[in-house]
Protein backbone atom coordinates (compact mmCIF):
# COMPACT_ATOMS: atom_id res chain seq x y z
CA MET A 1 8.02 4.67 -16.83
CA GLN A 2 7.72 0.74 -16.69
CA ILE A 3 4.04 -0.45 -17.00
CA VAL A 4 2.42 -3.58 -14.93
CA LYS A 5 -1.06 -4.71 -16.23
CA ILE A 6 -2.70 -6.78 -13.40
CA THR A 7 -6.33 -8.13 -13.51
CA THR A 8 -8.26 -7.01 -10.86
CA THR A 9 -10.95 -9.75 -9.00
CA GLN A 10 -13.53 -8.00 -11.62
CA ASN A 11 -11.66 -9.47 -14.49
CA ILE A 12 -10.78 -5.72 -15.54
CA ASP A 13 -6.89 -4.76 -16.48
CA ILE A 14 -5.76 -1.93 -14.35
CA GLU A 15 -2.31 -0.69 -15.28
CA TYR A 16 -0.25 0.57 -12.42
CA ALA A 17 3.23 2.27 -12.50
CA VAL A 18 5.80 -0.06 -11.61
CA ALA A 19 8.14 1.40 -8.68
CA SER A 20 12.12 1.37 -10.07
CA LEU A 21 14.56 -0.23 -8.38
CA SER A 22 16.36 3.42 -7.37
CA GLU A 23 13.02 4.22 -5.64
CA ARG A 24 13.04 0.98 -3.88
CA ILE A 25 16.71 1.31 -2.34
CA ALA A 26 16.17 5.10 -1.36
CA ALA A 27 12.76 3.60 0.76
CA ARG A 28 15.44 1.22 1.92
CA PHE A 29 18.26 3.31 2.77
CA ILE A 30 15.00 5.47 4.80
CA ASP A 31 14.35 2.33 6.90
CA TYR A 32 18.06 1.92 7.46
CA ALA A 33 18.14 5.67 8.76
CA ILE A 34 15.21 4.38 11.15
CA PHE A 35 17.21 1.68 12.57
CA LEU A 36 20.29 3.61 13.10
CA SER A 37 18.19 6.68 14.57
CA VAL A 38 16.33 4.18 17.08
CA TYR A 39 19.84 2.61 17.73
CA GLY A 40 21.11 5.86 18.76
CA VAL A 41 18.29 6.79 20.90
CA MET A 42 18.09 3.77 22.91
CA THR A 43 22.41 3.92 23.22
CA ALA A 44 21.89 7.40 24.90
CA ALA A 45 19.32 6.24 26.83
CA LEU A 46 21.71 3.29 28.20
CA VAL A 47 24.77 5.72 28.09
CA GLY A 48 22.64 7.87 30.96
CA VAL A 49 21.91 4.53 33.19
CA TYR A 50 24.92 3.74 33.08
CA SER A 51 26.77 7.43 33.71
CA ASP A 52 24.15 7.18 36.91
CA GLN A 53 25.88 3.83 38.44
CA LEU A 54 29.40 5.45 37.71
CA ASN A 55 28.41 8.36 39.71
CA SER A 56 27.31 6.49 42.41
CA ARG A 57 30.28 3.88 42.28
CA GLY A 58 27.58 1.15 42.25
CA PRO A 59 28.31 -2.13 40.12
CA VAL A 60 28.12 -1.58 36.32
CA ARG A 61 26.31 -4.73 34.96
CA PRO A 62 26.05 -5.48 30.98
CA THR A 63 22.56 -6.94 31.41
CA LYS A 64 20.50 -3.99 29.97
CA PHE A 65 23.37 -3.67 27.09
CA VAL A 66 22.06 -7.16 26.54
CA ILE A 67 18.42 -6.52 26.43
CA MET A 68 19.08 -3.59 24.33
CA ILE A 69 20.26 -5.27 21.62
CA GLY A 70 18.19 -8.08 21.73
CA ILE A 71 15.19 -5.46 21.33
CA TRP A 72 17.05 -3.29 18.75
CA LEU A 73 17.63 -6.53 16.44
CA GLY A 74 13.98 -7.65 17.38
CA PHE A 75 12.61 -4.37 15.93
CA CYS A 76 15.17 -4.72 13.11
CA VAL A 77 13.71 -7.65 11.98
CA LEU A 78 10.37 -7.66 12.54
CA TYR A 79 10.03 -3.83 11.12
CA ASP A 80 9.25 -4.60 7.56
CA LEU A 81 6.43 -7.63 8.24
CA LEU A 82 4.78 -5.35 10.91
CA THR A 83 4.83 -2.00 8.72
CA GLU A 84 3.44 -3.49 5.33
CA VAL A 85 1.26 -5.33 7.48
CA PHE A 86 -0.36 -2.63 9.49
CA LEU A 87 0.51 0.50 7.17
CA ASN A 88 -1.27 -1.24 3.99
CA GLY A 89 1.80 -2.50 2.27
CA GLN A 90 4.28 0.27 3.47
CA SER A 91 7.16 0.83 5.33
CA LEU A 92 8.14 4.27 6.28
CA GLY A 93 10.47 4.06 3.92
CA LYS A 94 7.90 3.39 1.32
CA ARG A 95 5.37 6.25 2.61
CA PHE A 96 7.76 8.55 2.28
CA VAL A 97 9.60 7.70 -1.55
CA LYS A 98 5.44 6.59 -1.99
CA ILE A 99 5.40 3.29 -3.33
CA LYS A 100 3.70 0.31 -2.02
CA VAL A 101 3.31 -3.38 -1.87
CA ILE A 102 -0.37 -5.28 -3.87
CA SER A 103 -1.08 -8.56 -4.78
CA LEU A 104 -0.62 -9.21 -8.53
CA ASN A 105 -4.17 -9.38 -8.63
CA GLY A 106 -4.67 -5.31 -7.64
CA THR A 107 -5.60 -6.14 -4.05
CA ARG A 108 -3.97 -5.57 -0.61
CA PRO A 109 -2.11 -8.72 -0.10
CA GLY A 110 -3.19 -11.29 2.46
CA ILE A 111 -1.04 -11.99 5.83
CA GLY A 112 0.23 -15.34 4.37
CA GLN A 113 2.13 -13.02 1.35
CA TYR A 114 3.28 -9.95 3.60
CA LEU A 115 4.60 -13.45 5.72
CA LEU A 116 6.33 -14.87 2.52
CA ARG A 117 7.64 -11.53 1.49
CA TRP A 118 9.27 -11.33 5.13
CA PHE A 119 10.48 -14.85 5.10
CA PHE A 120 12.57 -14.36 1.70
CA ARG A 121 14.22 -11.28 2.90
CA ILE A 122 16.75 -14.05 4.07
CA ILE A 123 17.53 -14.83 0.35
CA ASP A 124 17.00 -11.53 -1.26
CA PHE A 125 19.20 -9.29 1.34
CA GLY A 126 20.43 -11.93 4.03
CA LEU A 127 22.28 -14.53 2.02
CA THR A 128 22.82 -12.89 -1.16
CA MET A 129 23.66 -9.28 0.72
CA GLY A 130 20.99 -7.81 -1.36
CA ALA A 131 22.46 -9.04 -4.92
CA ALA A 132 19.65 -11.44 -5.28
CA ALA A 133 16.67 -8.56 -5.44
CA VAL A 134 18.64 -6.00 -7.67
CA VAL A 135 19.32 -9.00 -10.27
CA THR A 136 15.23 -9.99 -9.78
CA VAL A 137 14.46 -6.47 -9.55
CA THR A 138 16.15 -5.27 -12.85
CA PHE A 139 15.44 -8.10 -15.07
CA SER A 140 11.77 -9.92 -14.30
CA ASP A 141 8.64 -8.70 -15.90
CA LYS A 142 6.88 -7.14 -12.87
CA LYS A 143 10.27 -5.98 -10.94
CA GLN A 144 9.93 -8.65 -8.62
CA ARG A 145 12.63 -9.82 -5.73
CA ILE A 146 12.08 -13.45 -4.84
CA GLY A 147 9.82 -12.93 -2.16
CA ASP A 148 7.40 -11.00 -4.53
CA MET A 149 7.57 -13.67 -6.75
CA VAL A 150 7.07 -16.24 -4.46
CA ALA A 151 4.06 -14.22 -2.50
CA GLY A 152 2.69 -13.07 -5.89
CA THR A 153 3.38 -9.43 -5.10
CA THR A 154 4.97 -6.49 -6.47
CA VAL A 155 6.15 -2.72 -5.44
CA ILE A 156 4.16 0.14 -7.16
CA LYS A 157 3.48 3.78 -7.32
CA THR A 158 1.09 5.29 -4.97
CA ALA A 159 0.19 7.47 -7.70
CA PRO A 160 -2.09 6.13 -10.09
CA LEU A 161 -1.92 6.57 -13.75
CA ASN A 162 -5.05 8.32 -14.42
CA ARG A 163 -5.54 10.87 -11.88
CA PHE A 164 -9.16 11.64 -10.57
CA SER A 165 -9.58 14.80 -13.18
CA ASP A 166 -8.80 12.40 -16.12
CA LEU A 167 -12.24 10.61 -14.96
CA VAL A 168 -14.74 10.77 -18.20
CA PHE A 169 -18.24 11.69 -16.50
CA HIS A 170 -20.22 14.21 -15.35
CA SER A 171 -19.53 16.31 -12.50
CA PRO A 172 -22.64 16.73 -10.39
CA GLU A 173 -24.85 19.89 -10.70
CA GLU A 174 -24.07 23.02 -8.31
CA GLY A 175 -25.72 22.42 -5.24
CA TYR A 176 -25.78 18.28 -5.57
CA LYS A 177 -26.53 16.20 -2.20
CA PRO A 178 -24.60 13.26 -1.63
CA THR A 179 -26.51 9.99 -1.24
CA TYR A 180 -23.48 8.52 0.29
CA LYS A 181 -20.99 10.04 2.21
CA GLU A 182 -19.01 6.49 3.40
CA VAL A 183 -17.62 6.93 -0.36
CA VAL A 184 -15.03 8.89 1.20
CA GLN A 185 -13.37 5.42 2.05
CA LEU A 186 -12.94 4.54 -1.19
CA THR A 187 -9.56 5.88 -3.38
CA ASP A 188 -9.15 7.23 -6.38
CA ARG A 189 -7.94 3.96 -7.48
CA ASP A 190 -11.10 2.25 -6.32
CA VAL A 191 -13.21 4.97 -8.23
CA THR A 192 -10.81 4.76 -11.65
CA LEU A 193 -12.19 1.11 -11.67
CA ILE A 194 -15.63 2.02 -11.14
CA HIS A 195 -15.52 4.24 -14.09
CA ASP A 196 -13.41 1.12 -15.92
CA VAL A 197 -16.64 -0.63 -15.57
CA ILE A 198 -18.98 1.39 -16.35
CA ARG A 199 -16.97 2.71 -19.99
CA ASN A 200 -17.16 -1.21 -20.51
CA PHE A 201 -20.33 -1.94 -19.92
CA ARG A 202 -21.05 1.28 -22.35
CA MET A 203 -18.90 -0.09 -24.95
CA THR A 204 -20.05 -4.17 -24.69
CA ARG A 205 -23.29 -4.28 -22.74
CA ASN A 206 -21.88 -6.65 -20.00
CA SER A 207 -23.98 -5.90 -16.95
CA ASN A 208 -22.26 -9.16 -15.23
CA LEU A 209 -19.56 -6.88 -14.17
CA VAL A 210 -21.28 -3.73 -13.60
CA TYR A 211 -23.76 -6.21 -11.11
CA ARG A 212 -20.73 -7.80 -9.34
CA LEU A 213 -18.84 -4.67 -8.56
CA ALA A 214 -21.88 -2.96 -7.48
CA LEU A 215 -21.72 -5.81 -4.95
CA ARG A 216 -18.43 -5.33 -3.51
CA ILE A 217 -19.00 -1.86 -3.33
CA LYS A 218 -22.05 -1.87 -1.73
CA LYS A 219 -20.55 -4.70 0.88
CA TYR A 220 -17.25 -2.24 0.92
CA LEU A 221 -19.14 0.45 2.28
CA ASN A 222 -21.55 -1.14 4.06
CA VAL A 223 -24.70 0.70 2.68
CA ASN A 224 -27.98 -0.16 0.55
CA TYR A 225 -29.65 1.16 -2.45
CA PRO A 226 -33.68 1.21 -3.29
CA GLU A 227 -34.97 -1.25 -5.42
CA GLU A 228 -35.73 1.91 -7.80
CA ILE A 229 -32.42 2.00 -8.91
CA ASN A 230 -30.10 -0.60 -10.52
CA GLU A 231 -26.75 -1.52 -10.04
CA TYR A 232 -25.49 0.81 -13.04
CA GLN A 233 -26.97 3.65 -11.37
CA PHE A 234 -25.67 2.74 -8.15
CA LEU A 235 -22.30 3.27 -9.39
CA GLU A 236 -23.14 6.40 -11.36
CA ILE A 237 -24.46 7.56 -7.79
CA VAL A 238 -21.41 6.79 -6.30
CA LEU A 239 -19.24 8.41 -9.23
CA ASN A 240 -20.97 11.47 -8.49
CA ASP A 241 -21.40 11.49 -4.56
CA TYR A 242 -17.35 11.15 -4.53
CA ASN A 243 -16.56 14.04 -6.95
CA SER A 244 -19.04 16.06 -4.86
CA LEU A 245 -17.21 15.17 -1.11
CA ILE A 246 -13.71 14.39 -2.68
CA ALA A 247 -12.66 15.71 -5.70
CA ASN A 248 -14.08 19.45 -5.82
CA ASN A 249 -12.67 19.75 -1.94
CA GLY A 250 -9.17 18.68 -3.48
CA ILE A 251 -8.72 16.05 -0.51
CA ASP A 252 -6.04 13.09 -1.59
CA THR A 253 -7.31 9.57 -0.99
CA ILE A 254 -4.23 8.02 -2.15
């Protein structure tokens, strides 16, 4: 399994398992199957329309066929851009294979990055018939095609290397009542980052990372914490709340 190390905006190095070339190809074939399925459905509907016209002995006009081809081509061209933007870095094929696009700082890519990845498909898959994508993904350090290199993205496996059950902190006691139910919005990877920052603080006493991460989590969850607890205690509460609400209930948040 090849690993890529990405430095997050909190200056924490997180390791991700990079999607292999075979996984990316498998996801692409699934997407192609979707293209063909949509084309088949549209063709079947169009054949029904033309059959009705022939039975009524009316004139058969090719206009609807041209419109159908135009709609289908537009669907194929915009499919990757729209699905990755609205499905958090995943086409339907990527979601099935459990891989996704992320930015090299570990966050969700912005619209501009998705646009760059999409635009450079002209080179990766169009002009070179996929050869450029295969070569660059195979030999680049972070397994990037040209579009990824330009956009500052890569494709990773969605299953984290460090599962939630591997995190080293005490589980809340029986009967524990969570303070922030909003923690259900976090993913295992978010919680892994919180754990890593806490562990870093215990080793280095670097409170700056704790402070910055606590503010980001507070803003992301849209919650407040009382003045009598500090940022470090807030992050510990978030971990315990997450463990109580999600991990012990077996809910997958990937």
